Amino acid sequence: MSKQQKEKHLQATIYKIENIKREQNFILKHLWKVIILGIVFSFWAPTYSGSDALHRRKESLLEKGDYNYITLVIICGLVYTIFCLLFHFNSKYQNNKKLRKLNTLKAELENEIKEYNS
């Protein structure tokens, strides 16, 4: 690659790094929205009864189970919380992995550009 192409590739890599840093910690940045969505989901999920392909009504969790409504709300809230925690730590791990890879690429490109200059 020519020096000009390497400089463009370096600039694109820097933009990717900035993008990842800006988009990190989605759940923490939108904490109130995540909490409100969790509350709505927790109260809605036990009463939801879907339908299958033949449009027959299925039973809701409340109609099916031996649990009362409050217990099902707590269970749905815990499931939602677990999924949010899994998403948070998984995205944090993946972002750190991408950042390490992009930072090494950035350092390599900077070294190659310095070699062209000397």
PDB file of N, CA and C in Angstrom:
ATOM      1  N   MET A   1       0.839  -1.194   0.000  1.00  0.00           N
ATOM      2  CA  MET A   1       0.000   0.000   0.000  1.00  0.00           C
ATOM      3  C   MET A   1       0.873   1.242   0.000  1.00  0.00           C
ATOM      4  N   SER A   2       0.358   2.269  -0.584  1.00  0.00           N
ATOM      5  CA  SER A   2       1.093   3.530  -0.613  1.00  0.00           C
ATOM      6  C   SER A   2       0.894   4.270   0.710  1.00  0.00           C
ATOM      7  N   LYS A   3       1.688   5.301   0.873  1.00  0.00           N
ATOM      8  CA  LYS A   3       1.615   6.101   2.098  1.00  0.00           C
ATOM      9  C   LYS A   3       0.238   6.740   2.255  1.00  0.00           C
ATOM     10  N   GLN A   4      -0.308   7.209   1.158  1.00  0.00           N
ATOM     11  CA  GLN A   4      -1.614   7.864   1.196  1.00  0.00           C
ATOM     12  C   GLN A   4      -2.711   6.880   1.616  1.00  0.00           C
ATOM     13  N   GLN A   5      -2.657   5.660   1.120  1.00  0.00           N
ATOM     14  CA  GLN A   5      -3.646   4.645   1.492  1.00  0.00           C
ATOM     15  C   GLN A   5      -3.514   4.270   2.960  1.00  0.00           C
ATOM     16  N   LYS A   6      -2.268   4.192   3.435  1.00  0.00           N
ATOM     17  CA  LYS A   6      -2.055   3.873   4.844  1.00  0.00           C
ATOM     18  C   LYS A   6      -2.582   4.989   5.749  1.00  0.00           C
ATOM     19  N   GLU A   7      -2.411   6.224   5.322  1.00  0.00           N
ATOM     20  CA  GLU A   7      -2.934   7.340   6.118  1.00  0.00           C
ATOM     21  C   GLU A   7      -4.459   7.319   6.167  1.00  0.00           C
ATOM     22  N   LYS A   8      -5.083   6.984   5.055  1.00  0.00           N
ATOM     23  CA  LYS A   8      -6.544   6.867   5.045  1.00  0.00           C
ATOM     24  C   LYS A   8      -7.010   5.706   5.918  1.00  0.00           C
ATOM     25  N   HIS A   9      -6.273   4.602   5.856  1.00  0.00           N
ATOM     26  CA  HIS A   9      -6.612   3.446   6.679  1.00  0.00           C
ATOM     27  C   HIS A   9      -6.425   3.771   8.160  1.00  0.00           C
ATOM     28  N   LEU A  10      -5.382   4.528   8.485  1.00  0.00           N
ATOM     29  CA  LEU A  10      -5.156   4.967   9.859  1.00  0.00           C
ATOM     30  C   LEU A  10      -6.288   5.867  10.329  1.00  0.00           C
ATOM     31  N   GLN A  11      -6.710   6.798   9.492  1.00  0.00           N
ATOM     32  CA  GLN A  11      -7.809   7.700   9.860  1.00  0.00           C
ATOM     33  C   GLN A  11      -9.103   6.919  10.071  1.00  0.00           C
ATOM     34  N   ALA A  12      -9.371   5.938   9.209  1.00  0.00           N
ATOM     35  CA  ALA A  12     -10.572   5.113   9.370  1.00  0.00           C
ATOM     36  C   ALA A  12     -10.501   4.313  10.663  1.00  0.00           C
ATOM     37  N   THR A  13      -9.318   3.814  10.997  1.00  0.00           N
ATOM     38  CA  THR A  13      -9.138   3.061  12.242  1.00  0.00           C
ATOM     39  C   THR A  13      -9.373   3.956  13.448  1.00  0.00           C
ATOM     40  N   ILE A  14      -8.882   5.180  13.391  1.00  0.00           N
ATOM     41  CA  ILE A  14      -9.102   6.132  14.495  1.00  0.00           C
ATOM     42  C   ILE A  14     -10.594   6.417  14.655  1.00  0.00           C
ATOM     43  N   TYR A  15     -11.314   6.577  13.548  1.00  0.00           N
ATOM     44  CA  TYR A  15     -12.763   6.798  13.630  1.00  0.00           C
ATOM     45  C   TYR A  15     -13.473   5.593  14.239  1.00  0.00           C
ATOM     46  N   LYS A  16     -13.038   4.392  13.881  1.00  0.00           N
ATOM     47  CA  LYS A  16     -13.641   3.183  14.454  1.00  0.00           C
ATOM     48  C   LYS A  16     -13.408   3.126  15.962  1.00  0.00           C
ATOM     49  N   ILE A  17     -12.209   3.479  16.387  1.00  0.00           N
ATOM     50  CA  ILE A  17     -11.899   3.484  17.829  1.00  0.00           C
ATOM     51  C   ILE A  17     -12.785   4.489  18.557  1.00  0.00           C
ATOM     52  N   GLU A  18     -12.920   5.686  17.993  1.00  0.00           N
ATOM     53  CA  GLU A  18     -13.777   6.712  18.606  1.00  0.00           C
ATOM     54  C   GLU A  18     -15.229   6.253  18.656  1.00  0.00           C
ATOM     55  N   ASN A  19     -15.686   5.588  17.604  1.00  0.00           N
ATOM     56  CA  ASN A  19     -17.058   5.073  17.552  1.00  0.00           C
ATOM     57  C   ASN A  19     -17.300   4.057  18.657  1.00  0.00           C
ATOM     58  N   ILE A  20     -16.385   3.133  18.834  1.00  0.00           N
ATOM     59  CA  ILE A  20     -16.547   2.109  19.863  1.00  0.00           C
ATOM     60  C   ILE A  20     -16.545   2.747  21.245  1.00  0.00           C
ATOM     61  N   LYS A  21     -15.652   3.705  21.473  1.00  0.00           N
ATOM     62  CA  LYS A  21     -15.605   4.372  22.782  1.00  0.00           C
ATOM     63  C   LYS A  21     -16.885   5.147  23.058  1.00  0.00           C
ATOM     64  N   ARG A  22     -17.448   5.752  22.010  1.00  0.00           N
ATOM     65  CA  ARG A  22     -18.669   6.544  22.190  1.00  0.00           C
ATOM     66  C   ARG A  22     -19.872   5.643  22.473  1.00  0.00           C
ATOM     67  N   GLU A  23     -19.885   4.456  21.877  1.00  0.00           N
ATOM     68  CA  GLU A  23     -21.036   3.561  22.025  1.00  0.00           C
ATOM     69  C   GLU A  23     -20.907   2.577  23.187  1.00  0.00           C
ATOM     70  N   GLN A  24     -19.838   2.667  23.966  1.00  0.00           N
ATOM     71  CA  GLN A  24     -19.667   1.768  25.099  1.00  0.00           C
ATOM     72  C   GLN A  24     -20.698   2.057  26.187  1.00  0.00           C
ATOM     73  N   ASN A  25     -20.953   1.043  27.018  1.00  0.00           N
ATOM     74  CA  ASN A  25     -21.841   1.165  28.185  1.00  0.00           C
ATOM     75  C   ASN A  25     -23.237   1.643  27.815  1.00  0.00           C
ATOM     76  N   PHE A  26     -23.843   0.971  26.853  1.00  0.00           N
ATOM     77  CA  PHE A  26     -25.176   1.351  26.385  1.00  0.00           C
ATOM     78  C   PHE A  26     -26.186   1.323  27.529  1.00  0.00           C
ATOM     79  N   ILE A  27     -26.167   0.262  28.316  1.00  0.00           N
ATOM     80  CA  ILE A  27     -27.157   0.124  29.397  1.00  0.00           C
ATOM     81  C   ILE A  27     -26.966   1.205  30.446  1.00  0.00           C
ATOM     82  N   LEU A  28     -25.705   1.530  30.769  1.00  0.00           N
ATOM     83  CA  LEU A  28     -25.478   2.559  31.782  1.00  0.00           C
ATOM     84  C   LEU A  28     -25.848   3.949  31.277  1.00  0.00           C
ATOM     85  N   LYS A  29     -25.655   4.189  29.983  1.00  0.00           N
ATOM     86  CA  LYS A  29     -26.019   5.495  29.428  1.00  0.00           C
ATOM     87  C   LYS A  29     -27.533   5.672  29.348  1.00  0.00           C
ATOM     88  N   HIS A  30     -28.250   4.586  29.144  1.00  0.00           N
ATOM     89  CA  HIS A  30     -29.705   4.633  29.011  1.00  0.00           C
ATOM     90  C   HIS A  30     -30.370   3.889  30.170  1.00  0.00           C
ATOM     91  N   LEU A  31     -29.842   4.080  31.368  1.00  0.00           N
ATOM     92  CA  LEU A  31     -30.287   3.310  32.525  1.00  0.00           C
ATOM     93  C   LEU A  31     -31.771   3.484  32.820  1.00  0.00           C
ATOM     94  N   TRP A  32     -32.272   4.710  32.772  1.00  0.00           N
ATOM     95  CA  TRP A  32     -33.687   4.941  33.098  1.00  0.00           C
ATOM     96  C   TRP A  32     -34.607   4.291  32.075  1.00  0.00           C
ATOM     97  N   LYS A  33     -34.218   4.327  30.818  1.00  0.00           N
ATOM     98  CA  LYS A  33     -35.031   3.674  29.789  1.00  0.00           C
ATOM     99  C   LYS A  33     -35.048   2.163  29.981  1.00  0.00           C
ATOM    100  N   VAL A  34     -33.888   1.599  30.337  1.00  0.00           N
ATOM    101  CA  VAL A  34     -33.798   0.158  30.564  1.00  0.00           C
ATOM    102  C   VAL A  34     -34.641  -0.245  31.773  1.00  0.00           C
ATOM    103  N   ILE A  35     -34.602   0.557  32.828  1.00  0.00           N
ATOM    104  CA  ILE A  35     -35.395   0.256  34.038  1.00  0.00           C
ATOM    105  C   ILE A  35     -36.885   0.341  33.730  1.00  0.00           C
ATOM    106  N   ILE A  36     -37.308   1.383  33.036  1.00  0.00           N
ATOM    107  CA  ILE A  36     -38.735   1.529  32.714  1.00  0.00           C
ATOM    108  C   ILE A  36     -39.196   0.386  31.822  1.00  0.00           C
ATOM    109  N   LEU A  37     -38.391   0.034  30.826  1.00  0.00           N
ATOM    110  CA  LEU A  37     -38.732  -1.090  29.951  1.00  0.00           C
ATOM    111  C   LEU A  37     -38.820  -2.386  30.755  1.00  0.00           C
ATOM    112  N   GLY A  38     -37.925  -2.577  31.710  1.00  0.00           N
ATOM    113  CA  GLY A  38     -37.959  -3.767  32.563  1.00  0.00           C
ATOM    114  C   GLY A  38     -39.215  -3.832  33.418  1.00  0.00           C
ATOM    115  N   ILE A  39     -39.633  -2.703  33.942  1.00  0.00           N
ATOM    116  CA  ILE A  39     -40.846  -2.669  34.758  1.00  0.00           C
ATOM    117  C   ILE A  39     -42.065  -2.997  33.901  1.00  0.00           C
ATOM    118  N   VAL A  40     -42.136  -2.381  32.720  1.00  0.00           N
ATOM    119  CA  VAL A  40     -43.270  -2.657  31.816  1.00  0.00           C
ATOM    120  C   VAL A  40     -43.274  -4.130  31.418  1.00  0.00           C
ATOM    121  N   PHE A  41     -42.107  -4.666  31.064  1.00  0.00           N
ATOM    122  CA  PHE A  41     -42.011  -6.075  30.680  1.00  0.00           C
ATOM    123  C   PHE A  41     -42.420  -6.990  31.831  1.00  0.00           C
ATOM    124  N   SER A  42     -41.972  -6.678  33.029  1.00  0.00           N
ATOM    125  CA  SER A  42     -42.259  -7.538  34.180  1.00  0.00           C
ATOM    126  C   SER A  42     -43.750  -7.610  34.489  1.00  0.00           C
ATOM    127  N   PHE A  43     -44.458  -6.505  34.323  1.00  0.00           N
ATOM    128  CA  PHE A  43     -45.896  -6.518  34.601  1.00  0.00           C
ATOM    129  C   PHE A  43     -46.714  -7.045  33.428  1.00  0.00           C
ATOM    130  N   TRP A  44     -46.180  -6.934  32.216  1.00  0.00           N
ATOM    131  CA  TRP A  44     -46.911  -7.372  31.024  1.00  0.00           C
ATOM    132  C   TRP A  44     -46.733  -8.859  30.730  1.00  0.00           C
ATOM    133  N   ALA A  45     -45.523  -9.383  30.917  1.00  0.00           N
ATOM    134  CA  ALA A  45     -45.194 -10.748  30.495  1.00  0.00           C
ATOM    135  C   ALA A  45     -46.070 -11.834  31.130  1.00  0.00           C
ATOM    136  N   PRO A  46     -46.386 -11.775  32.416  1.00  0.00           N
ATOM    137  CA  PRO A  46     -47.209 -12.858  32.985  1.00  0.00           C
ATOM    138  C   PRO A  46     -48.618 -12.947  32.395  1.00  0.00           C
ATOM    139  N   THR A  47     -49.132 -11.845  31.876  1.00  0.00           N
ATOM    140  CA  THR A  47     -50.501 -11.861  31.347  1.00  0.00           C
ATOM    141  C   THR A  47     -50.552 -12.037  29.839  1.00  0.00           C
ATOM    142  N   TYR A  48     -49.391 -12.062  29.172  1.00  0.00           N
ATOM    143  CA  TYR A  48     -49.368 -12.180  27.714  1.00  0.00           C
ATOM    144  C   TYR A  48     -49.785 -13.580  27.296  1.00  0.00           C
ATOM    145  N   SER A  49     -50.726 -13.640  26.391  1.00  0.00           N
ATOM    146  CA  SER A  49     -51.119 -14.931  25.809  1.00  0.00           C
ATOM    147  C   SER A  49     -51.088 -14.766  24.297  1.00  0.00           C
ATOM    148  N   GLY A  50     -50.191 -15.473  23.683  1.00  0.00           N
ATOM    149  CA  GLY A  50     -50.019 -15.354  22.234  1.00  0.00           C
ATOM    150  C   GLY A  50     -50.975 -16.266  21.502  1.00  0.00           C
ATOM    151  N   SER A  51     -50.779 -16.329  20.189  1.00  0.00           N
ATOM    152  CA  SER A  51     -51.577 -17.238  19.380  1.00  0.00           C
ATOM    153  C   SER A  51     -50.628 -17.966  18.438  1.00  0.00           C
ATOM    154  N   ASP A  52     -51.001 -19.166  18.042  1.00  0.00           N
ATOM    155  CA  ASP A  52     -50.142 -19.938  17.154  1.00  0.00           C
ATOM    156  C   ASP A  52     -50.513 -19.678  15.693  1.00  0.00           C
ATOM    157  N   ALA A  53     -50.002 -20.481  14.802  1.00  0.00           N
ATOM    158  CA  ALA A  53     -50.206 -20.270  13.368  1.00  0.00           C
ATOM    159  C   ALA A  53     -51.676 -20.386  12.961  1.00  0.00           C
ATOM    160  N   LEU A  54     -52.445 -21.168  13.696  1.00  0.00           N
ATOM    161  CA  LEU A  54     -53.865 -21.349  13.372  1.00  0.00           C
ATOM    162  C   LEU A  54     -54.761 -20.367  14.127  1.00  0.00           C
ATOM    163  N   HIS A  55     -54.145 -19.388  14.745  1.00  0.00           N
ATOM    164  CA  HIS A  55     -54.849 -18.327  15.483  1.00  0.00           C
ATOM    165  C   HIS A  55     -55.640 -18.868  16.668  1.00  0.00           C
ATOM    166  N   ARG A  56     -55.131 -19.917  17.251  1.00  0.00           N
ATOM    167  CA  ARG A  56     -55.740 -20.396  18.490  1.00  0.00           C
ATOM    168  C   ARG A  56     -55.065 -19.689  19.651  1.00  0.00           C
ATOM    169  N   ARG A  57     -55.831 -19.322  20.612  1.00  0.00           N
ATOM    170  CA  ARG A  57     -55.320 -18.594  21.766  1.00  0.00           C
ATOM    171  C   ARG A  57     -54.557 -19.543  22.672  1.00  0.00           C
ATOM    172  N   LYS A  58     -53.364 -19.115  23.083  1.00  0.00           N
ATOM    173  CA  LYS A  58     -52.575 -19.892  24.033  1.00  0.00           C
ATOM    174  C   LYS A  58     -52.803 -19.332  25.431  1.00  0.00           C
ATOM    175  N   GLU A  59     -52.511 -20.146  26.418  1.00  0.00           N
ATOM    176  CA  GLU A  59     -52.671 -19.695  27.801  1.00  0.00           C
ATOM    177  C   GLU A  59     -51.491 -18.819  28.199  1.00  0.00           C
ATOM    178  N   SER A  60     -51.754 -17.853  29.059  1.00  0.00           N
ATOM    179  CA  SER A  60     -50.683 -17.015  29.583  1.00  0.00           C
ATOM    180  C   SER A  60     -49.988 -17.751  30.727  1.00  0.00           C
ATOM    181  N   LEU A  61     -48.865 -17.208  31.173  1.00  0.00           N
ATOM    182  CA  LEU A  61     -48.156 -17.804  32.304  1.00  0.00           C
ATOM    183  C   LEU A  61     -49.031 -17.812  33.553  1.00  0.00           C
ATOM    184  N   LEU A  62     -49.811 -16.776  33.709  1.00  0.00           N
ATOM    185  CA  LEU A  62     -50.675 -16.663  34.877  1.00  0.00           C
ATOM    186  C   LEU A  62     -51.752 -17.749  34.864  1.00  0.00           C
ATOM    187  N   GLU A  63     -52.304 -18.039  33.685  1.00  0.00           N
ATOM    188  CA  GLU A  63     -53.335 -19.070  33.567  1.00  0.00           C
ATOM    189  C   GLU A  63     -52.745 -20.469  33.667  1.00  0.00           C
ATOM    190  N   LYS A  64     -51.508 -20.646  33.186  1.00  0.00           N
ATOM    191  CA  LYS A  64     -50.871 -21.957  33.165  1.00  0.00           C
ATOM    192  C   LYS A  64     -50.364 -22.409  34.516  1.00  0.00           C
ATOM    193  N   GLY A  65     -49.671 -21.528  35.193  1.00  0.00           N
ATOM    194  CA  GLY A  65     -48.876 -21.930  36.344  1.00  0.00           C
ATOM    195  C   GLY A  65     -49.589 -21.942  37.673  1.00  0.00           C
ATOM    196  N   ASP A  66     -48.832 -22.401  38.643  1.00  0.00           N
ATOM    197  CA  ASP A  66     -49.317 -22.444  40.009  1.00  0.00           C
ATOM    198  C   ASP A  66     -48.905 -21.207  40.797  1.00  0.00           C
ATOM    199  N   TYR A  67     -48.279 -20.263  40.133  1.00  0.00           N
ATOM    200  CA  TYR A  67     -47.789 -19.066  40.809  1.00  0.00           C
ATOM    201  C   TYR A  67     -48.803 -17.935  40.715  1.00  0.00           C
ATOM    202  N   ASN A  68     -48.776 -17.063  41.718  1.00  0.00           N
ATOM    203  CA  ASN A  68     -49.652 -15.893  41.650  1.00  0.00           C
ATOM    204  C   ASN A  68     -48.979 -14.786  40.832  1.00  0.00           C
ATOM    205  N   TYR A  69     -49.688 -13.721  40.593  1.00  0.00           N
ATOM    206  CA  TYR A  69     -49.241 -12.655  39.694  1.00  0.00           C
ATOM    207  C   TYR A  69     -47.957 -11.995  40.186  1.00  0.00           C
ATOM    208  N   ILE A  70     -47.886 -11.684  41.475  1.00  0.00           N
ATOM    209  CA  ILE A  70     -46.717 -10.997  42.029  1.00  0.00           C
ATOM    210  C   ILE A  70     -45.465 -11.858  41.884  1.00  0.00           C
ATOM    211  N   THR A  71     -45.582 -13.149  42.118  1.00  0.00           N
ATOM    212  CA  THR A  71     -44.436 -14.045  41.970  1.00  0.00           C
ATOM    213  C   THR A  71     -43.961 -14.073  40.518  1.00  0.00           C
ATOM    214  N   LEU A  72     -44.894 -14.120  39.587  1.00  0.00           N
ATOM    215  CA  LEU A  72     -44.524 -14.119  38.181  1.00  0.00           C
ATOM    216  C   LEU A  72     -43.893 -12.794  37.763  1.00  0.00           C
ATOM    217  N   VAL A  73     -44.353 -11.680  38.314  1.00  0.00           N
ATOM    218  CA  VAL A  73     -43.748 -10.376  38.034  1.00  0.00           C
ATOM    219  C   VAL A  73     -42.304 -10.372  38.521  1.00  0.00           C
ATOM    220  N   ILE A  74     -42.066 -10.898  39.712  1.00  0.00           N
ATOM    221  CA  ILE A  74     -40.703 -10.944  40.254  1.00  0.00           C
ATOM    222  C   ILE A  74     -39.813 -11.854  39.404  1.00  0.00           C
ATOM    223  N   ILE A  75     -40.324 -12.984  38.989  1.00  0.00           N
ATOM    224  CA  ILE A  75     -39.552 -13.902  38.146  1.00  0.00           C
ATOM    225  C   ILE A  75     -39.209 -13.238  36.807  1.00  0.00           C
ATOM    226  N   CYS A  76     -40.186 -12.594  36.190  1.00  0.00           N
ATOM    227  CA  CYS A  76     -39.934 -11.909  34.905  1.00  0.00           C
ATOM    228  C   CYS A  76     -38.921 -10.785  35.091  1.00  0.00           C
ATOM    229  N   GLY A  77     -39.007 -10.064  36.202  1.00  0.00           N
ATOM    230  CA  GLY A  77     -38.037  -9.006  36.489  1.00  0.00           C
ATOM    231  C   GLY A  77     -36.633  -9.555  36.660  1.00  0.00           C
ATOM    232  N   LEU A  78     -36.513 -10.691  37.332  1.00  0.00           N
ATOM    233  CA  LEU A  78     -35.201 -11.315  37.497  1.00  0.00           C
ATOM    234  C   LEU A  78     -34.638 -11.807  36.170  1.00  0.00           C
ATOM    235  N   VAL A  79     -35.479 -12.396  35.349  1.00  0.00           N
ATOM    236  CA  VAL A  79     -35.030 -12.862  34.029  1.00  0.00           C
ATOM    237  C   VAL A  79     -34.566 -11.675  33.187  1.00  0.00           C
ATOM    238  N   TYR A  80     -35.314 -10.588  33.207  1.00  0.00           N
ATOM    239  CA  TYR A  80     -34.946  -9.379  32.468  1.00  0.00           C
ATOM    240  C   TYR A  80     -33.611  -8.834  32.974  1.00  0.00           C
ATOM    241  N   THR A  81     -33.430  -8.806  34.287  1.00  0.00           N
ATOM    242  CA  THR A  81     -32.192  -8.311  34.875  1.00  0.00           C
ATOM    243  C   THR A  81     -31.008  -9.178  34.471  1.00  0.00           C
ATOM    244  N   ILE A  82     -31.198 -10.486  34.485  1.00  0.00           N
ATOM    245  CA  ILE A  82     -30.121 -11.400  34.093  1.00  0.00           C
ATOM    246  C   ILE A  82     -29.731 -11.178  32.640  1.00  0.00           C
ATOM    247  N   PHE A  83     -30.717 -11.030  31.756  1.00  0.00           N
ATOM    248  CA  PHE A  83     -30.406 -10.774  30.349  1.00  0.00           C
ATOM    249  C   PHE A  83     -29.696  -9.436  30.161  1.00  0.00           C
ATOM    250  N   CYS A  84     -30.096  -8.416  30.922  1.00  0.00           N
ATOM    251  CA  CYS A  84     -29.423  -7.117  30.823  1.00  0.00           C
ATOM    252  C   CYS A  84     -27.971  -7.218  31.298  1.00  0.00           C
ATOM    253  N   LEU A  85     -27.743  -7.947  32.388  1.00  0.00           N
ATOM    254  CA  LEU A  85     -26.376  -8.125  32.875  1.00  0.00           C
ATOM    255  C   LEU A  85     -25.527  -8.903  31.882  1.00  0.00           C
ATOM    256  N   LEU A  86     -26.093  -9.959  31.299  1.00  0.00           N
ATOM    257  CA  LEU A  86     -25.364 -10.724  30.287  1.00  0.00           C
ATOM    258  C   LEU A  86     -25.015  -9.848  29.087  1.00  0.00           C
ATOM    259  N   PHE A  87     -25.976  -9.045  28.640  1.00  0.00           N
ATOM    260  CA  PHE A  87     -25.727  -8.136  27.516  1.00  0.00           C
ATOM    261  C   PHE A  87     -24.629  -7.141  27.858  1.00  0.00           C
ATOM    262  N   HIS A  88     -24.686  -6.578  29.066  1.00  0.00           N
ATOM    263  CA  HIS A  88     -23.718  -5.560  29.482  1.00  0.00           C
ATOM    264  C   HIS A  88     -22.296  -6.128  29.495  1.00  0.00           C
ATOM    265  N   PHE A  89     -22.108  -7.271  30.165  1.00  0.00           N
ATOM    266  CA  PHE A  89     -20.760  -7.821  30.276  1.00  0.00           C
ATOM    267  C   PHE A  89     -20.267  -8.385  28.949  1.00  0.00           C
ATOM    268  N   ASN A  90     -21.153  -8.945  28.147  1.00  0.00           N
ATOM    269  CA  ASN A  90     -20.763  -9.459  26.841  1.00  0.00           C
ATOM    270  C   ASN A  90     -20.341  -8.321  25.918  1.00  0.00           C
ATOM    271  N   SER A  91     -21.110  -7.246  25.881  1.00  0.00           N
ATOM    272  CA  SER A  91     -20.750  -6.126  25.017  1.00  0.00           C
ATOM    273  C   SER A  91     -19.467  -5.451  25.507  1.00  0.00           C
ATOM    274  N   LYS A  92     -19.286  -5.397  26.817  1.00  0.00           N
ATOM    275  CA  LYS A  92     -18.061  -4.816  27.359  1.00  0.00           C
ATOM    276  C   LYS A  92     -16.843  -5.643  26.942  1.00  0.00           C
ATOM    277  N   TYR A  93     -16.960  -6.963  27.019  1.00  0.00           N
ATOM    278  CA  TYR A  93     -15.868  -7.858  26.618  1.00  0.00           C
ATOM    279  C   TYR A  93     -15.580  -7.710  25.124  1.00  0.00           C
ATOM    280  N   GLN A  94     -16.622  -7.709  24.306  1.00  0.00           N
ATOM    281  CA  GLN A  94     -16.426  -7.601  22.859  1.00  0.00           C
ATOM    282  C   GLN A  94     -15.844  -6.247  22.465  1.00  0.00           C
ATOM    283  N   ASN A  95     -16.295  -5.180  23.114  1.00  0.00           N
ATOM    284  CA  ASN A  95     -15.757  -3.855  22.813  1.00  0.00           C
ATOM    285  C   ASN A  95     -14.280  -3.761  23.179  1.00  0.00           C
ATOM    286  N   ASN A  96     -13.905  -4.318  24.333  1.00  0.00           N
ATOM    287  CA  ASN A  96     -12.502  -4.303  24.731  1.00  0.00           C
ATOM    288  C   ASN A  96     -11.649  -5.115  23.761  1.00  0.00           C
ATOM    289  N   LYS A  97     -12.187  -6.225  23.298  1.00  0.00           N
ATOM    290  CA  LYS A  97     -11.473  -7.062  22.328  1.00  0.00           C
ATOM    291  C   LYS A  97     -11.270  -6.297  21.015  1.00  0.00           C
ATOM    292  N   LYS A  98     -12.317  -5.626  20.539  1.00  0.00           N
ATOM    293  CA  LYS A  98     -12.208  -4.827  19.314  1.00  0.00           C
ATOM    294  C   LYS A  98     -11.227  -3.672  19.490  1.00  0.00           C
ATOM    295  N   LEU A  99     -11.277  -3.022  20.659  1.00  0.00           N
ATOM    296  CA  LEU A  99     -10.374  -1.898  20.910  1.00  0.00           C
ATOM    297  C   LEU A  99      -8.917  -2.336  20.916  1.00  0.00           C
ATOM    298  N   ARG A 100      -8.622  -3.474  21.539  1.00  0.00           N
ATOM    299  CA  ARG A 100      -7.249  -3.980  21.541  1.00  0.00           C
ATOM    300  C   ARG A 100      -6.773  -4.243  20.113  1.00  0.00           C
ATOM    301  N   LYS A 101      -7.634  -4.869  19.321  1.00  0.00           N
ATOM    302  CA  LYS A 101      -7.290  -5.189  17.939  1.00  0.00           C
ATOM    303  C   LYS A 101      -7.064  -3.911  17.123  1.00  0.00           C
ATOM    304  N   LEU A 102      -7.966  -2.942  17.277  1.00  0.00           N
ATOM    305  CA  LEU A 102      -7.839  -1.691  16.527  1.00  0.00           C
ATOM    306  C   LEU A 102      -6.643  -0.870  16.992  1.00  0.00           C
ATOM    307  N   ASN A 103      -6.338  -0.896  18.287  1.00  0.00           N
ATOM    308  CA  ASN A 103      -5.180  -0.148  18.784  1.00  0.00           C
ATOM    309  C   ASN A 103      -3.876  -0.746  18.269  1.00  0.00           C
ATOM    310  N   THR A 104      -3.793  -2.069  18.177  1.00  0.00           N
ATOM    311  CA  THR A 104      -2.586  -2.672  17.603  1.00  0.00           C
ATOM    312  C   THR A 104      -2.478  -2.334  16.116  1.00  0.00           C
ATOM    313  N   LEU A 105      -3.595  -2.355  15.407  1.00  0.00           N
ATOM    314  CA  LEU A 105      -3.590  -1.977  13.987  1.00  0.00           C
ATOM    315  C   LEU A 105      -3.163  -0.524  13.822  1.00  0.00           C
ATOM    316  N   LYS A 106      -3.654   0.333  14.700  1.00  0.00           N
ATOM    317  CA  LYS A 106      -3.294   1.752  14.664  1.00  0.00           C
ATOM    318  C   LYS A 106      -1.796   1.930  14.876  1.00  0.00           C
ATOM    319  N   ALA A 107      -1.255   1.223  15.864  1.00  0.00           N
ATOM    320  CA  ALA A 107       0.181   1.331  16.135  1.00  0.00           C
ATOM    321  C   ALA A 107       1.003   0.823  14.945  1.00  0.00           C
ATOM    322  N   GLU A 108       0.574  -0.276  14.335  1.00  0.00           N
ATOM    323  CA  GLU A 108       1.281  -0.803  13.165  1.00  0.00           C
ATOM    324  C   GLU A 108       1.253   0.186  12.006  1.00  0.00           C
ATOM    325  N   LEU A 109       0.089   0.772  11.768  1.00  0.00           N
ATOM    326  CA  LEU A 109      -0.026   1.740  10.671  1.00  0.00           C
ATOM    327  C   LEU A 109       0.823   2.979  10.934  1.00  0.00           C
ATOM    328  N   GLU A 110       0.843   3.441  12.194  1.00  0.00           N
ATOM    329  CA  GLU A 110       1.670   4.605  12.525  1.00  0.00           C
ATOM    330  C   GLU A 110       3.146   4.303  12.306  1.00  0.00           C
ATOM    331  N   ASN A 111       3.575   3.099  12.685  1.00  0.00           N
ATOM    332  CA  ASN A 111       4.975   2.717  12.465  1.00  0.00           C
ATOM    333  C   ASN A 111       5.307   2.649  10.984  1.00  0.00           C
ATOM    334  N   GLU A 112       4.396   2.089  10.177  1.00  0.00           N
ATOM    335  CA  GLU A 112       4.630   1.979   8.745  1.00  0.00           C
ATOM    336  C   GLU A 112       4.685   3.363   8.080  1.00  0.00           C
ATOM    337  N   ILE A 113       3.843   4.275   8.557  1.00  0.00           N
ATOM    338  CA  ILE A 113       3.864   5.637   8.009  1.00  0.00           C
ATOM    339  C   ILE A 113       5.170   6.336   8.390  1.00  0.00           C
ATOM    340  N   LYS A 114       5.663   6.100   9.610  1.00  0.00           N
ATOM    341  CA  LYS A 114       6.945   6.685  10.038  1.00  0.00           C
ATOM    342  C   LYS A 114       8.076   6.144   9.169  1.00  0.00           C
ATOM    343  N   GLU A 115       7.992   4.867   8.801  1.00  0.00           N
ATOM    344  CA  GLU A 115       9.031   4.296   7.943  1.00  0.00           C
ATOM    345  C   GLU A 115       9.027   4.944   6.569  1.00  0.00           C
ATOM    346  N   TYR A 116       7.862   5.267   6.062  1.00  0.00           N
ATOM    347  CA  TYR A 116       7.777   5.965   4.764  1.00  0.00           C
ATOM    348  C   TYR A 116       8.399   7.350   4.862  1.00  0.00           C
ATOM    349  N   ASN A 117       8.200   8.020   6.007  1.00  0.00           N
ATOM    350  CA  ASN A 117       8.711   9.373   6.171  1.00  0.00           C
ATOM    351  C   ASN A 117      10.229   9.399   6.315  1.00  0.00           C
ATOM    352  N   SER A 118      10.818   8.321   6.853  1.00  0.00           N
ATOM    353  CA  SER A 118      12.274   8.343   7.047  1.00  0.00           C
ATOM    354  C   SER A 118      13.038   7.806   5.878  1.00  0.00           C
TER     355      SER A 118
END
